[in-house]
Amino acid sequence: MARTFKIGIFNDEVKFISAVRSLQEQEHTIFEVFTPYPMNEVFHLLKRKSRLPTAAYFFGLFGVLATLAFLYYTSVIDWPVDYGGKPFNSFPSFIVVTVVLTILTVTLASLAMFAARSKLFPGRENTIFDRGATDDKFVIVIETDISDTPGGEKAAGIMRDKGAIEIIDKEFENVRI
């Protein structure tokens, strides 16, 4: 079954933000937005939350505990070498290695989680709503049904009034974002 989308394309960031606000005030559901660079304001306007910072915190906690446990095991339990009268568990010498391995753990685990959550893998085909979305255009995508033609036209009118340079109707069989 094909899904119908109304796509508004903007050149200006201010007009784009204004259109997003107006569409939300008129209670239109925005399917997705595409911007040429990250915009926190749009992220907050769409009320989308990411759990990636929380996951990264727990990855870091795991990295610290695992690294300290490994270092303690290797230097105190498995192969205790007494050199220069230093104690077996000399915690200050563990700090640099712990920090570096924690950063490595957080980076790799967060990247793996982001890729898995976003379903990014080699060979995956994405739905491209507009080619300009990756260059310099701001794109708003609203899903419209066949029965929702007046609502879709109202959304198109709002986007046109707010400065959309182009409004496109497209149908897609499979939508992968």
Protein backbone atom coordinates (compact mmCIF):
# COMPACT_ATOMS: atom_id res chain seq x y z
CA MET A 1 0.00 0.00 0.00
CA ALA A 2 1.43 3.33 -1.03
CA ARG A 3 1.83 6.12 1.49
CA THR A 4 1.32 9.71 0.39
CA PHE A 5 3.50 12.53 1.66
CA LYS A 6 3.38 16.30 1.29
CA ILE A 7 6.92 17.68 1.21
CA GLY A 8 7.72 21.34 1.83
CA ILE A 9 11.15 22.62 0.83
CA PHE A 10 12.62 25.80 2.34
CA ASN A 11 15.74 27.86 1.64
CA ASP A 12 15.72 29.86 4.88
CA GLU A 13 16.17 28.49 8.40
CA VAL A 14 13.92 31.15 9.99
CA LYS A 15 11.05 30.43 7.58
CA PHE A 16 11.53 26.71 8.16
CA ILE A 17 11.31 27.06 11.96
CA SER A 18 8.27 29.32 11.57
CA ALA A 19 6.56 26.72 9.36
CA VAL A 20 7.26 23.93 11.88
CA ARG A 21 5.74 26.05 14.65
CA SER A 22 2.68 26.94 12.57
CA LEU A 23 2.09 23.34 11.53
CA GLN A 24 2.25 22.23 15.15
CA GLU A 25 -0.13 25.00 16.24
CA GLN A 26 -2.60 23.78 13.61
CA GLU A 27 -2.09 20.22 14.98
CA HIS A 28 -0.59 18.73 11.84
CA THR A 29 1.59 15.71 12.52
CA ILE A 30 5.07 16.20 11.10
CA PHE A 31 6.42 12.86 9.88
CA GLU A 32 10.05 13.96 9.58
CA VAL A 33 12.25 17.00 8.99
CA PHE A 34 15.58 17.17 7.22
CA THR A 35 18.11 19.94 7.70
CA PRO A 36 21.57 20.44 6.20
CA TYR A 37 23.07 20.74 9.69
CA PRO A 38 21.94 19.76 13.22
CA MET A 39 19.39 22.14 14.72
CA ASN A 40 18.57 21.72 18.41
CA GLU A 41 15.57 24.03 18.13
CA VAL A 42 13.81 21.70 15.69
CA PHE A 43 14.67 18.71 17.87
CA HIS A 44 12.99 20.43 20.83
CA LEU A 45 10.02 21.66 18.78
CA LEU A 46 9.26 18.13 17.62
CA LYS A 47 9.56 16.95 21.25
CA ARG A 48 11.81 14.08 20.33
CA LYS A 49 14.03 12.76 23.07
CA SER A 50 17.16 10.73 22.70
CA ARG A 51 18.23 8.11 25.20
CA LEU A 52 21.74 8.06 23.78
CA PRO A 53 23.24 10.30 26.54
CA THR A 54 21.81 8.01 29.23
CA ALA A 55 23.13 4.94 27.44
CA ALA A 56 26.53 6.62 27.03
CA TYR A 57 26.62 7.28 30.78
CA PHE A 58 26.04 3.60 31.52
CA PHE A 59 28.57 2.57 28.87
CA GLY A 60 31.09 4.85 30.62
CA LEU A 61 30.23 3.41 34.02
CA PHE A 62 30.70 -0.09 32.63
CA GLY A 63 34.00 0.99 31.01
CA VAL A 64 35.36 2.40 34.28
CA LEU A 65 34.36 -0.64 36.34
CA ALA A 66 35.57 -3.16 33.76
CA THR A 67 38.91 -1.38 33.29
CA LEU A 68 39.57 -1.01 37.02
CA ALA A 69 38.58 -4.63 37.63
CA PHE A 70 40.88 -5.78 34.83
CA LEU A 71 43.80 -3.70 36.05
CA TYR A 72 43.30 -4.82 39.65
CA TYR A 73 43.08 -8.46 38.58
CA THR A 74 46.22 -8.32 36.43
CA SER A 75 48.39 -6.35 38.86
CA VAL A 76 47.23 -7.75 42.23
CA ILE A 77 45.72 -11.20 41.75
CA ASP A 78 47.14 -12.77 38.59
CA TRP A 79 50.70 -11.45 38.50
CA PRO A 80 51.68 -9.41 41.54
CA VAL A 81 55.10 -7.98 40.86
CA ASP A 82 56.76 -6.09 43.72
CA TYR A 83 59.14 -3.56 42.29
CA GLY A 84 60.67 -0.68 44.23
CA GLY A 85 58.60 -1.40 47.34
CA LYS A 86 55.37 -0.07 45.73
CA PRO A 87 52.05 -1.55 46.80
CA PHE A 88 50.36 -4.08 44.56
CA ASN A 89 47.25 -1.95 44.10
CA SER A 90 48.71 1.43 43.16
CA PHE A 91 45.54 3.19 42.10
CA PRO A 92 47.14 6.40 40.70
CA SER A 93 48.90 4.41 38.01
CA PHE A 94 45.51 3.05 36.85
CA ILE A 95 43.94 6.46 36.20
CA VAL A 96 45.35 7.24 32.74
CA VAL A 97 44.60 3.79 31.33
CA THR A 98 41.12 3.88 32.88
CA VAL A 99 40.28 7.25 31.33
CA VAL A 100 41.49 6.24 27.87
CA LEU A 101 39.72 2.87 27.87
CA THR A 102 36.53 4.46 29.21
CA ILE A 103 36.51 6.96 26.35
CA LEU A 104 37.12 4.14 23.88
CA THR A 105 34.32 2.04 25.40
CA VAL A 106 31.81 4.90 25.36
CA THR A 107 32.67 5.85 21.79
CA LEU A 108 32.48 2.36 20.31
CA ALA A 109 29.41 1.26 22.30
CA SER A 110 27.52 4.49 21.52
CA LEU A 111 28.35 4.20 17.85
CA ALA A 112 27.20 0.58 17.77
CA MET A 113 23.99 1.44 19.63
CA PHE A 114 23.26 4.41 17.35
CA ALA A 115 23.82 2.30 14.24
CA ALA A 116 21.64 -0.53 15.54
CA ARG A 117 18.86 1.80 16.71
CA SER A 118 18.89 3.71 13.41
CA LYS A 119 19.05 0.46 11.45
CA LEU A 120 22.14 1.65 9.62
CA PHE A 121 23.96 -1.18 7.94
CA PRO A 122 25.79 -1.61 4.64
CA GLY A 123 23.52 -1.94 1.63
CA ARG A 124 20.43 -0.49 3.26
CA GLU A 125 18.22 1.53 0.94
CA ASN A 126 16.80 4.77 2.31
CA THR A 127 13.77 6.73 1.19
CA ILE A 128 14.97 10.04 -0.19
CA PHE A 129 12.20 12.60 0.01
CA ASP A 130 14.20 15.39 -1.66
CA ARG A 131 17.77 15.44 -2.97
CA GLY A 132 18.35 18.99 -1.69
CA ALA A 133 17.86 17.87 1.93
CA THR A 134 21.47 16.74 2.11
CA ASP A 135 22.89 19.91 0.54
CA ASP A 136 21.35 23.21 1.53
CA LYS A 137 17.57 22.82 1.81
CA PHE A 138 15.29 22.48 4.83
CA VAL A 139 12.57 19.87 4.30
CA ILE A 140 9.34 19.18 6.17
CA VAL A 141 7.57 15.89 5.43
CA ILE A 142 3.91 15.42 6.37
CA GLU A 143 2.13 12.13 5.78
CA THR A 144 -1.28 12.53 4.16
CA ASP A 145 -3.85 9.85 3.38
CA ILE A 146 -6.22 9.81 0.43
CA SER A 147 -9.06 10.68 2.82
CA ASP A 148 -7.04 13.52 4.38
CA THR A 149 -6.84 15.67 1.23
CA PRO A 150 -8.28 18.86 2.85
CA GLY A 151 -5.85 18.51 5.78
CA GLY A 152 -2.96 18.00 3.41
CA GLU A 153 -3.94 21.03 1.38
CA LYS A 154 -4.24 23.07 4.57
CA ALA A 155 -0.72 22.00 5.57
CA ALA A 156 0.53 22.88 2.09
CA GLY A 157 -1.09 26.30 2.42
CA ILE A 158 0.64 26.90 5.76
CA MET A 159 4.00 25.91 4.31
CA ARG A 160 3.43 28.09 1.25
CA ASP A 161 2.48 31.08 3.44
CA LYS A 162 5.60 30.60 5.57
CA GLY A 163 7.90 30.75 2.55
CA ALA A 164 8.27 27.26 1.09
CA ILE A 165 9.98 27.46 -2.28
CA GLU A 166 8.43 24.18 -3.40
CA ILE A 167 5.71 21.80 -2.21
CA ILE A 168 5.67 18.29 -3.62
CA ASP A 169 3.23 15.39 -3.32
CA LYS A 170 4.97 11.99 -3.46
CA GLU A 171 3.90 8.40 -2.97
CA PHE A 172 6.21 5.72 -1.64
CA GLU A 173 5.59 1.99 -1.33
CA ASN A 174 8.19 1.36 1.37
CA VAL A 175 9.38 4.16 3.62
CA ARG A 176 12.71 3.65 5.35
CA ILE A 177 14.21 6.50 7.29
